[in-house]
C-alpha atoms as a PDB file:
ATOM      1  CA  UNK A   1     150.367 204.324 145.370  1.00  0.00           C
ATOM      2  CA  UNK A   2     150.077 204.266 141.608  1.00  0.00           C
ATOM      3  CA  UNK A   3     151.107 200.772 139.656  1.00  0.00           C
ATOM      4  CA  UNK A   4     152.802 200.607 136.517  1.00  0.00           C
ATOM      5  CA  UNK A   5     150.079 199.238 134.405  1.00  0.00           C
ATOM      6  CA  UNK A   6     150.353 199.471 130.776  1.00  0.00           C
ATOM      7  CA  UNK A   7     154.037 201.258 131.358  1.00  0.00           C
ATOM      8  CA  UNK A   8     156.147 201.303 128.183  1.00  0.00           C
ATOM      9  CA  UNK A   9     158.142 197.925 129.339  1.00  0.00           C
ATOM     10  CA  UNK A  10     154.841 196.019 130.141  1.00  0.00           C
ATOM     11  CA  UNK A  11     153.379 196.944 126.701  1.00  0.00           C
ATOM     12  CA  UNK A  12     156.602 195.642 124.992  1.00  0.00           C
ATOM     13  CA  UNK A  13     156.365 192.313 126.779  1.00  0.00           C
ATOM     14  CA  UNK A  14     152.719 192.010 126.223  1.00  0.00           C
ATOM     15  CA  UNK A  15     153.127 192.687 122.374  1.00  0.00           C
ATOM     16  CA  UNK A  16     155.863 190.122 122.304  1.00  0.00           C
ATOM     17  CA  UNK A  17     153.577 187.482 124.254  1.00  0.00           C
ATOM     18  CA  UNK A  18     150.644 188.347 121.146  1.00  0.00           C
ATOM     19  CA  UNK A  19     153.142 188.222 118.307  1.00  0.00           C
ATOM     20  CA  UNK A  20     154.746 184.962 119.445  1.00  0.00           C
ATOM     21  CA  UNK A  21     151.180 183.486 119.935  1.00  0.00           C
ATOM     22  CA  UNK A  22     149.950 184.579 116.536  1.00  0.00           C
ATOM     23  CA  UNK A  23     152.899 183.050 114.839  1.00  0.00           C
ATOM     24  CA  UNK A  24     152.292 179.305 116.584  1.00  0.00           C
ATOM     25  CA  UNK A  25     148.641 179.704 116.193  1.00  0.00           C
ATOM     26  CA  UNK A  26     149.238 180.054 112.434  1.00  0.00           C
ATOM     27  CA  UNK A  27     151.316 177.117 112.561  1.00  0.00           C
ATOM     28  CA  UNK A  28     148.901 174.817 114.394  1.00  0.00           C
ATOM     29  CA  UNK A  29     146.276 175.977 111.989  1.00  0.00           C
ATOM     30  CA  UNK A  30     148.344 174.785 109.239  1.00  0.00           C
ATOM     31  CA  UNK A  31     148.576 171.353 110.885  1.00  0.00           C
ATOM     32  CA  UNK A  32     144.789 171.157 111.219  1.00  0.00           C
ATOM     33  CA  UNK A  33     144.599 171.015 114.911  1.00  0.00           C
ATOM     34  CA  UNK A  34     141.494 171.234 116.854  1.00  0.00           C
ATOM     35  CA  UNK A  35     139.602 174.579 115.868  1.00  0.00           C
ATOM     36  CA  UNK A  36     139.833 175.567 119.731  1.00  0.00           C
ATOM     37  CA  UNK A  37     143.471 176.787 118.869  1.00  0.00           C
ATOM     38  CA  UNK A  38     141.510 179.578 117.021  1.00  0.00           C
ATOM     39  CA  UNK A  39     141.172 181.255 120.302  1.00  0.00           C
ATOM     40  CA  UNK A  40     144.643 182.214 121.112  1.00  0.00           C
ATOM     41  CA  UNK A  41     145.733 183.772 117.631  1.00  0.00           C
ATOM     42  CA  UNK A  42     142.232 186.112 117.597  1.00  0.00           C
ATOM     43  CA  UNK A  43     143.002 186.638 121.615  1.00  0.00           C
ATOM     44  CA  UNK A  44     146.437 187.689 120.706  1.00  0.00           C
ATOM     45  CA  UNK A  45     145.058 189.977 118.051  1.00  0.00           C
ATOM     46  CA  UNK A  46     142.447 191.699 120.204  1.00  0.00           C
ATOM     47  CA  UNK A  47     145.577 192.375 122.425  1.00  0.00           C
ATOM     48  CA  UNK A  48     147.552 193.842 119.386  1.00  0.00           C
ATOM     49  CA  UNK A  49     144.693 196.167 118.861  1.00  0.00           C
ATOM     50  CA  UNK A  50     144.341 197.476 122.601  1.00  0.00           C
ATOM     51  CA  UNK A  51     147.826 198.084 122.772  1.00  0.00           C
ATOM     52  CA  UNK A  52     147.923 200.225 119.550  1.00  0.00           C
ATOM     53  CA  UNK A  53     144.836 202.049 120.610  1.00  0.00           C
ATOM     54  CA  UNK A  54     146.214 202.788 124.062  1.00  0.00           C
ATOM     55  CA  UNK A  55     149.590 203.746 122.576  1.00  0.00           C
ATOM     56  CA  UNK A  56     148.283 206.043 119.498  1.00  0.00           C
ATOM     57  CA  UNK A  57     146.172 207.855 122.330  1.00  0.00           C
ATOM     58  CA  UNK A  58     148.964 208.032 124.787  1.00  0.00           C
ATOM     59  CA  UNK A  59     151.106 209.893 122.072  1.00  0.00           C
ATOM     60  CA  UNK A  60     148.236 212.224 121.007  1.00  0.00           C
ATOM     61  CA  UNK A  61     148.097 213.033 124.528  1.00  0.00           C
ATOM     62  CA  UNK A  62     152.137 214.035 124.523  1.00  0.00           C
ATOM     63  CA  UNK A  63     151.938 216.009 121.298  1.00  0.00           C
ATOM     64  CA  UNK A  64     148.430 215.874 119.640  1.00  0.00           C
ATOM     65  CA  UNK A  65     148.809 215.518 115.872  1.00  0.00           C
ATOM     66  CA  UNK A  66     152.642 216.761 115.258  1.00  0.00           C
ATOM     67  CA  UNK A  67     154.077 214.699 113.021  1.00  0.00           C
ATOM     68  CA  UNK A  68     150.818 211.807 113.260  1.00  0.00           C
ATOM     69  CA  UNK A  69     151.663 210.254 109.790  1.00  0.00           C
ATOM     70  CA  UNK A  70     155.291 210.210 109.889  1.00  0.00           C
ATOM     71  CA  UNK A  71     155.323 208.301 112.927  1.00  0.00           C
ATOM     72  CA  UNK A  72     152.754 205.988 111.546  1.00  0.00           C
ATOM     73  CA  UNK A  73     154.959 205.955 108.380  1.00  0.00           C
ATOM     74  CA  UNK A  74     158.351 204.857 110.069  1.00  0.00           C
ATOM     75  CA  UNK A  75     156.497 202.253 112.713  1.00  0.00           C
ATOM     76  CA  UNK A  76     153.883 200.623 110.341  1.00  0.00           C
ATOM     77  CA  UNK A  77     153.220 201.794 106.667  1.00  0.00           C
ATOM     78  CA  UNK A  78     156.861 201.771 105.329  1.00  0.00           C
ATOM     79  CA  UNK A  79     157.670 198.486 106.601  1.00  0.00           C
ATOM     80  CA  UNK A  80     154.540 197.042 105.608  1.00  0.00           C
ATOM     81  CA  UNK A  81     155.725 198.340 101.869  1.00  0.00           C
ATOM     82  CA  UNK A  82     158.906 197.064 102.268  1.00  0.00           C
ATOM     83  CA  UNK A  83     157.996 193.794 103.220  1.00  0.00           C
ATOM     84  CA  UNK A  84     155.099 193.762 100.246  1.00  0.00           C
ATOM     85  CA  UNK A  85     157.987 194.793  97.798  1.00  0.00           C
ATOM     86  CA  UNK A  86     160.059 191.862  99.036  1.00  0.00           C
ATOM     87  CA  UNK A  87     157.144 189.573  98.697  1.00  0.00           C
ATOM     88  CA  UNK A  88     156.301 190.552  95.363  1.00  0.00           C
ATOM     89  CA  UNK A  89     159.804 190.105  93.992  1.00  0.00           C
ATOM     90  CA  UNK A  90     159.833 186.848  95.476  1.00  0.00           C
ATOM     91  CA  UNK A  91     156.533 185.186  94.765  1.00  0.00           C
ATOM     92  CA  UNK A  92     155.599 187.600  91.446  1.00  0.00           C
ATOM     93  CA  UNK A  93     153.498 190.123  90.679  1.00  0.00           C
ATOM     94  CA  UNK A  94     150.028 189.436  91.618  1.00  0.00           C
ATOM     95  CA  UNK A  95     148.467 192.171  88.868  1.00  0.00           C
ATOM     96  CA  UNK A  96     147.870 196.002  89.609  1.00  0.00           C
ATOM     97  CA  UNK A  97     144.646 195.489  91.252  1.00  0.00           C
ATOM     98  CA  UNK A  98     145.358 193.381  93.782  1.00  0.00           C
ATOM     99  CA  UNK A  99     148.983 195.134  94.444  1.00  0.00           C
ATOM    100  CA  UNK A 100     147.473 198.431  94.981  1.00  0.00           C
ATOM    101  CA  UNK A 101     144.585 197.085  96.985  1.00  0.00           C
ATOM    102  CA  UNK A 102     146.894 195.610  99.267  1.00  0.00           C
ATOM    103  CA  UNK A 103     149.708 198.631  99.185  1.00  0.00           C
ATOM    104  CA  UNK A 104     146.613 201.128  99.829  1.00  0.00           C
ATOM    105  CA  UNK A 105     145.526 199.240 103.179  1.00  0.00           C
ATOM    106  CA  UNK A 106     142.241 198.457 101.411  1.00  0.00           C
ATOM    107  CA  UNK A 107     142.252 194.456 101.056  1.00  0.00           C
ATOM    108  CA  UNK A 108     145.155 192.172 102.023  1.00  0.00           C
ATOM    109  CA  UNK A 109     146.109 188.850 102.723  1.00  0.00           C
ATOM    110  CA  UNK A 110     147.560 190.260 105.886  1.00  0.00           C
ATOM    111  CA  UNK A 111     144.301 191.655 106.789  1.00  0.00           C
ATOM    112  CA  UNK A 112     145.393 192.774 110.461  1.00  0.00           C
ATOM    113  CA  UNK A 113     147.606 195.631 109.218  1.00  0.00           C
ATOM    114  CA  UNK A 114     145.204 197.329 106.839  1.00  0.00           C
ATOM    115  CA  UNK A 115     142.550 196.984 109.719  1.00  0.00           C
ATOM    116  CA  UNK A 116     144.803 198.961 111.775  1.00  0.00           C
ATOM    117  CA  UNK A 117     146.018 201.542 109.646  1.00  0.00           C
ATOM    118  CA  UNK A 118     142.308 201.765 108.756  1.00  0.00           C
ATOM    119  CA  UNK A 119     141.500 202.639 112.595  1.00  0.00           C
ATOM    120  CA  UNK A 120     144.682 204.959 112.312  1.00  0.00           C
ATOM    121  CA  UNK A 121     142.932 207.036 109.654  1.00  0.00           C
ATOM    122  CA  UNK A 122     139.657 207.091 111.351  1.00  0.00           C
ATOM    123  CA  UNK A 123     141.407 208.462 114.841  1.00  0.00           C
ATOM    124  CA  UNK A 124     143.291 210.805 112.705  1.00  0.00           C
ATOM    125  CA  UNK A 125     140.129 212.291 110.882  1.00  0.00           C
ATOM    126  CA  UNK A 126     137.992 212.565 113.840  1.00  0.00           C
ATOM    127  CA  UNK A 127     140.906 213.940 116.228  1.00  0.00           C
ATOM    128  CA  UNK A 128     141.486 216.528 113.454  1.00  0.00           C
ATOM    129  CA  UNK A 129     137.844 217.594 113.181  1.00  0.00           C
ATOM    130  CA  UNK A 130     135.455 216.053 115.526  1.00  0.00           C
ATOM    131  CA  UNK A 131     137.666 215.565 118.474  1.00  0.00           C
ATOM    132  CA  UNK A 132     134.967 216.272 121.076  1.00  0.00           C
ATOM    133  CA  UNK A 133     133.195 213.104 119.491  1.00  0.00           C
ATOM    134  CA  UNK A 134     136.081 210.726 119.482  1.00  0.00           C
ATOM    135  CA  UNK A 135     134.496 208.087 121.770  1.00  0.00           C
ATOM    136  CA  UNK A 136     131.002 208.233 120.424  1.00  0.00           C
ATOM    137  CA  UNK A 137     131.980 208.408 116.847  1.00  0.00           C
ATOM    138  CA  UNK A 138     134.440 205.249 117.156  1.00  0.00           C
ATOM    139  CA  UNK A 139     131.416 203.335 118.925  1.00  0.00           C
ATOM    140  CA  UNK A 140     129.357 203.873 115.890  1.00  0.00           C
ATOM    141  CA  UNK A 141     131.683 202.868 113.410  1.00  0.00           C
ATOM    142  CA  UNK A 142     132.710 199.610 115.872  1.00  0.00           C
ATOM    143  CA  UNK A 143     128.970 198.626 115.707  1.00  0.00           C
ATOM    144  CA  UNK A 144     129.491 199.123 111.766  1.00  0.00           C
ATOM    145  CA  UNK A 145     132.140 196.764 111.504  1.00  0.00           C
ATOM    146  CA  UNK A 146     130.712 194.212 114.256  1.00  0.00           C
ATOM    147  CA  UNK A 147     127.624 193.822 112.128  1.00  0.00           C
ATOM    148  CA  UNK A 148     128.607 193.951 108.823  1.00  0.00           C
ATOM    149  CA  UNK A 149     132.134 193.086 108.474  1.00  0.00           C
ATOM    150  CA  UNK A 150     133.880 189.713 108.153  1.00  0.00           C
ATOM    151  CA  UNK A 151     133.996 187.571 110.920  1.00  0.00           C
ATOM    152  CA  UNK A 152     138.088 188.553 111.760  1.00  0.00           C
ATOM    153  CA  UNK A 153     137.296 192.268 111.548  1.00  0.00           C
ATOM    154  CA  UNK A 154     133.886 191.953 113.573  1.00  0.00           C
ATOM    155  CA  UNK A 155     135.420 190.012 116.562  1.00  0.00           C
ATOM    156  CA  UNK A 156     137.898 193.225 116.828  1.00  0.00           C
ATOM    157  CA  UNK A 157     135.238 195.765 116.404  1.00  0.00           C
ATOM    158  CA  UNK A 158     135.961 197.405 119.798  1.00  0.00           C
ATOM    159  CA  UNK A 159     139.397 196.564 120.568  1.00  0.00           C
ATOM    160  CA  UNK A 160     141.119 199.601 119.243  1.00  0.00           C
ATOM    161  CA  UNK A 161     138.371 201.885 120.803  1.00  0.00           C
ATOM    162  CA  UNK A 162     139.101 199.735 124.331  1.00  0.00           C
ATOM    163  CA  UNK A 163     142.799 200.749 124.274  1.00  0.00           C
ATOM    164  CA  UNK A 164     141.732 204.449 123.986  1.00  0.00           C
ATOM    165  CA  UNK A 165     139.393 204.201 126.731  1.00  0.00           C
ATOM    166  CA  UNK A 166     142.063 202.743 128.773  1.00  0.00           C
ATOM    167  CA  UNK A 167     144.578 205.643 127.812  1.00  0.00           C
ATOM    168  CA  UNK A 168     142.025 208.475 128.644  1.00  0.00           C
ATOM    169  CA  UNK A 169     141.519 206.970 131.944  1.00  0.00           C
ATOM    170  CA  UNK A 170     144.953 205.559 132.728  1.00  0.00           C
ATOM    171  CA  UNK A 171     145.764 207.886 135.888  1.00  0.00           C
ATOM    172  CA  UNK A 172     142.614 206.630 137.757  1.00  0.00           C
ATOM    173  CA  UNK A 173     143.089 203.239 136.524  1.00  0.00           C
ATOM    174  CA  UNK A 174     147.017 203.208 137.780  1.00  0.00           C
ATOM    175  CA  UNK A 175     145.779 204.393 141.333  1.00  0.00           C
ATOM    176  CA  UNK A 176     143.596 201.215 141.679  1.00  0.00           C
ATOM    177  CA  UNK A 177     145.037 198.510 144.194  1.00  0.00           C
ATOM    178  CA  UNK A 178     146.210 195.240 142.994  1.00  0.00           C
ATOM    179  CA  UNK A 179     142.864 193.493 144.344  1.00  0.00           C
ATOM    180  CA  UNK A 180     140.784 195.743 142.059  1.00  0.00           C
ATOM    181  CA  UNK A 181     142.957 194.382 138.910  1.00  0.00           C
ATOM    182  CA  UNK A 182     142.533 190.592 140.123  1.00  0.00           C
ATOM    183  CA  UNK A 183     138.899 191.063 140.530  1.00  0.00           C
ATOM    184  CA  UNK A 184     138.710 192.536 137.000  1.00  0.00           C
ATOM    185  CA  UNK A 185     141.039 190.280 135.460  1.00  0.00           C
ATOM    186  CA  UNK A 186     138.993 187.269 136.846  1.00  0.00           C
ATOM    187  CA  UNK A 187     135.507 189.149 135.884  1.00  0.00           C
ATOM    188  CA  UNK A 188     136.596 189.566 132.218  1.00  0.00           C
ATOM    189  CA  UNK A 189     137.913 185.731 132.066  1.00  0.00           C
ATOM    190  CA  UNK A 190     134.519 184.275 133.183  1.00  0.00           C
ATOM    191  CA  UNK A 191     132.527 186.618 130.886  1.00  0.00           C
ATOM    192  CA  UNK A 192     134.829 185.196 127.839  1.00  0.00           C
ATOM    193  CA  UNK A 193     134.257 181.441 129.325  1.00  0.00           C
ATOM    194  CA  UNK A 194     130.863 182.251 129.566  1.00  0.00           C
ATOM    195  CA  UNK A 195     130.380 183.334 125.913  1.00  0.00           C
ATOM    196  CA  UNK A 196     133.001 180.843 124.474  1.00  0.00           C
ATOM    197  CA  UNK A 197     130.563 177.548 126.687  1.00  0.00           C
ATOM    198  CA  UNK A 198     127.484 179.530 124.833  1.00  0.00           C
ATOM    199  CA  UNK A 199     129.307 179.389 121.220  1.00  0.00           C
ATOM    200  CA  UNK A 200     129.641 175.846 122.102  1.00  0.00           C
ATOM    201  CA  UNK A 201     125.901 174.941 121.855  1.00  0.00           C
ATOM    202  CA  UNK A 202     125.141 173.456 118.418  1.00  0.00           C
ATOM    203  CA  UNK A 203     122.147 175.584 117.603  1.00  0.00           C
ATOM    204  CA  UNK A 204     124.706 178.723 118.274  1.00  0.00           C
ATOM    205  CA  UNK A 205     127.590 177.161 116.461  1.00  0.00           C
ATOM    206  CA  UNK A 206     125.294 176.900 113.441  1.00  0.00           C
ATOM    207  CA  UNK A 207     124.995 180.473 112.946  1.00  0.00           C
ATOM    208  CA  UNK A 208     128.335 180.993 112.318  1.00  0.00           C
ATOM    209  CA  UNK A 209     128.968 183.613 109.494  1.00  0.00           C
ATOM    210  CA  UNK A 210     125.982 185.600 110.865  1.00  0.00           C
ATOM    211  CA  UNK A 211     126.132 188.829 112.776  1.00  0.00           C
ATOM    212  CA  UNK A 212     124.772 187.126 115.894  1.00  0.00           C
ATOM    213  CA  UNK A 213     127.513 184.738 115.705  1.00  0.00           C
ATOM    214  CA  UNK A 214     130.168 187.761 115.503  1.00  0.00           C
ATOM    215  CA  UNK A 215     128.433 189.331 118.615  1.00  0.00           C
ATOM    216  CA  UNK A 216     129.472 186.040 120.700  1.00  0.00           C
ATOM    217  CA  UNK A 217     132.792 185.966 119.308  1.00  0.00           C
ATOM    218  CA  UNK A 218     133.193 189.787 120.439  1.00  0.00           C
ATOM    219  CA  UNK A 219     132.323 188.916 123.882  1.00  0.00           C
ATOM    220  CA  UNK A 220     134.673 186.217 124.017  1.00  0.00           C
ATOM    221  CA  UNK A 221     137.862 187.763 122.321  1.00  0.00           C
ATOM    222  CA  UNK A 222     138.101 191.324 123.997  1.00  0.00           C
ATOM    223  CA  UNK A 223     137.347 190.105 127.590  1.00  0.00           C
ATOM    224  CA  UNK A 224     139.949 187.358 127.359  1.00  0.00           C
ATOM    225  CA  UNK A 225     142.466 189.753 126.074  1.00  0.00           C
ATOM    226  CA  UNK A 226     141.748 192.240 128.599  1.00  0.00           C
ATOM    227  CA  UNK A 227     142.127 189.599 131.103  1.00  0.00           C
ATOM    228  CA  UNK A 228     145.790 188.690 129.672  1.00  0.00           C
ATOM    229  CA  UNK A 229     146.788 192.085 129.347  1.00  0.00           C
ATOM    230  CA  UNK A 230     146.698 192.294 133.025  1.00  0.00           C
ATOM    231  CA  UNK A 231     149.164 189.257 133.526  1.00  0.00           C
ATOM    232  CA  UNK A 232     151.945 191.498 134.167  1.00  0.00           C
ATOM    233  CA  UNK A 233     150.209 192.977 137.182  1.00  0.00           C
ATOM    234  CA  UNK A 234     150.562 189.223 138.764  1.00  0.00           C
ATOM    235  CA  UNK A 235     153.640 187.882 137.390  1.00  0.00           C
ATOM    236  CA  UNK A 236     156.375 190.655 137.518  1.00  0.00           C
ATOM    237  CA  UNK A 237     159.061 188.294 136.172  1.00  0.00           C
ATOM    238  CA  UNK A 238     157.207 188.826 132.786  1.00  0.00           C
ATOM    239  CA  UNK A 239     158.388 191.962 132.555  1.00  0.00           C
ATOM    240  CA  UNK A 240     161.997 190.939 133.227  1.00  0.00           C
ATOM    241  CA  UNK A 241     161.946 188.682 129.975  1.00  0.00           C
ATOM    242  CA  UNK A 242     164.569 190.391 127.564  1.00  0.00           C
ATOM    243  CA  UNK A 243     163.032 187.661 124.875  1.00  0.00           C
ATOM    244  CA  UNK A 244     159.856 189.004 125.221  1.00  0.00           C
ATOM    245  CA  UNK A 245     160.503 192.645 125.302  1.00  0.00           C
ATOM    246  CA  UNK A 246     162.874 192.321 121.985  1.00  0.00           C
ATOM    247  CA  UNK A 247     159.854 190.311 120.305  1.00  0.00           C
ATOM    248  CA  UNK A 248     157.507 193.074 121.484  1.00  0.00           C
ATOM    249  CA  UNK A 249     159.844 195.717 119.796  1.00  0.00           C
ATOM    250  CA  UNK A 250     159.742 193.900 116.541  1.00  0.00           C
ATOM    251  CA  UNK A 251     156.420 192.394 116.972  1.00  0.00           C
ATOM    252  CA  UNK A 252     155.331 194.027 113.380  1.00  0.00           C
ATOM    253  CA  UNK A 253     158.278 192.129 111.977  1.00  0.00           C
ATOM    254  CA  UNK A 254     157.533 188.821 113.535  1.00  0.00           C
ATOM    255  CA  UNK A 255     153.865 189.213 112.052  1.00  0.00           C
ATOM    256  CA  UNK A 256     154.941 189.687 108.796  1.00  0.00           C
ATOM    257  CA  UNK A 257     157.843 187.878 108.264  1.00  0.00           C
ATOM    258  CA  UNK A 258     156.288 184.694 109.641  1.00  0.00           C
ATOM    259  CA  UNK A 259     153.334 184.816 106.975  1.00  0.00           C
ATOM    260  CA  UNK A 260     155.081 183.458 103.876  1.00  0.00           C
ATOM    261  CA  UNK A 261     156.857 180.613 106.358  1.00  0.00           C
ATOM    262  CA  UNK A 262     154.130 178.933 108.269  1.00  0.00           C
ATOM    263  CA  UNK A 263     152.747 177.066 105.381  1.00  0.00           C
ATOM    264  CA  UNK A 264     155.782 175.079 104.922  1.00  0.00           C
ATOM    265  CA  UNK A 265     156.081 174.164 108.460  1.00  0.00           C
ATOM    266  CA  UNK A 266     155.709 170.454 108.474  1.00  0.00           C
ATOM    267  CA  UNK A 267     154.208 168.495 111.614  1.00  0.00           C
ATOM    268  CA  UNK A 268     157.826 167.790 113.237  1.00  0.00           C
ATOM    269  CA  UNK A 269     159.570 169.277 115.847  1.00  0.00           C
ATOM    270  CA  UNK A 270     162.845 169.571 113.353  1.00  0.00           C
ATOM    271  CA  UNK A 271     160.341 171.397 111.059  1.00  0.00           C
ATOM    272  CA  UNK A 272     159.131 173.700 113.869  1.00  0.00           C
ATOM    273  CA  UNK A 273     162.464 174.366 115.084  1.00  0.00           C
ATOM    274  CA  UNK A 274     163.323 175.553 111.716  1.00  0.00           C
ATOM    275  CA  UNK A 275     160.885 177.841 111.287  1.00  0.00           C
ATOM    276  CA  UNK A 276     161.629 179.612 114.904  1.00  0.00           C
ATOM    277  CA  UNK A 277     165.096 179.954 113.800  1.00  0.00           C
ATOM    278  CA  UNK A 278     164.324 180.871 110.350  1.00  0.00           C
ATOM    279  CA  UNK A 279     161.550 183.772 111.615  1.00  0.00           C
ATOM    280  CA  UNK A 280     164.288 184.879 114.298  1.00  0.00           C
ATOM    281  CA  UNK A 281     166.896 185.556 111.609  1.00  0.00           C
ATOM    282  CA  UNK A 282     164.682 187.179 109.089  1.00  0.00           C
ATOM    283  CA  UNK A 283     163.060 189.264 111.653  1.00  0.00           C
ATOM    284  CA  UNK A 284     166.363 190.681 112.617  1.00  0.00           C
ATOM    285  CA  UNK A 285     167.491 191.001 109.158  1.00  0.00           C
ATOM    286  CA  UNK A 286     164.224 192.933 108.054  1.00  0.00           C
ATOM    287  CA  UNK A 287     164.485 194.973 111.435  1.00  0.00           C
ATOM    288  CA  UNK A 288     167.821 196.406 110.929  1.00  0.00           C
ATOM    289  CA  UNK A 289     167.456 197.133 107.124  1.00  0.00           C
ATOM    290  CA  UNK A 290     164.034 198.707 107.771  1.00  0.00           C
ATOM    291  CA  UNK A 291     165.409 200.898 110.281  1.00  0.00           C
ATOM    292  CA  UNK A 292     168.619 201.761 108.706  1.00  0.00           C
ATOM    293  CA  UNK A 293     166.134 202.817 105.579  1.00  0.00           C
ATOM    294  CA  UNK A 294     164.211 204.706 107.991  1.00  0.00           C
ATOM    295  CA  UNK A 295     166.886 206.660 109.517  1.00  0.00           C
ATOM    296  CA  UNK A 296     168.076 207.622 105.835  1.00  0.00           C
ATOM    297  CA  UNK A 297     164.911 208.391 103.893  1.00  0.00           C
ATOM    298  CA  UNK A 298     162.111 209.240 106.747  1.00  0.00           C
END
């Protein structure tokens, strides 16, 4: 009997979980909490990228490259441009170079969105002209990112590809029994934990900023993300959470909207509560405006 692994309901809930974790993680960083809080935030980013790679390849399986950039424009690119325009109006114009690098998804303080769009571009180019070599080409590019990019990108070098690989084998994976997924989740968690303990050895931690250290981080973040992505297989009530599903649907909006707000959250329950309320209200407004504009223009 096939499972509902990575069904639409599951992926919405998982995106919602990841979005909420990232927002809370940034607040904890702002509060100068112990560096251990770095872990859930970057694991949540890995979850996002795996789900993005999965969703993109599922879309390709259904309709190829038809309306490829129109879909990306509607769901990611246009909302980001709208957000960037609002932030620029509120915070002031940063200069043409900074603005254009940001708007063209080359360099941004919101690094995750340019990183994701760059993978979208790579995927389109490879599927357009070199589709038979999709996985090997993305593997090579992943190795380049792992060894030569900054830490936040390097540790996510293969997360997007992992989602694509899951999509390519989803029918086989869904035929597996619950015991198989329990072993897989435990195995991924233990692998991540082993490398997490390795990272805490002083001689290893002293290598921070090097390619070697990024390799260690990679073997923490992606396996941990994969173990968490299997949670709905064992905790079915997660998929019935309306809050998590709504957060998943508006996950990009949550990621963007919380950024200008979290630096102002003080270390009090009241301040944190106001942050949650403000993000919720602004995400709702942004989502509604964004989708009305998309419906009219795109």
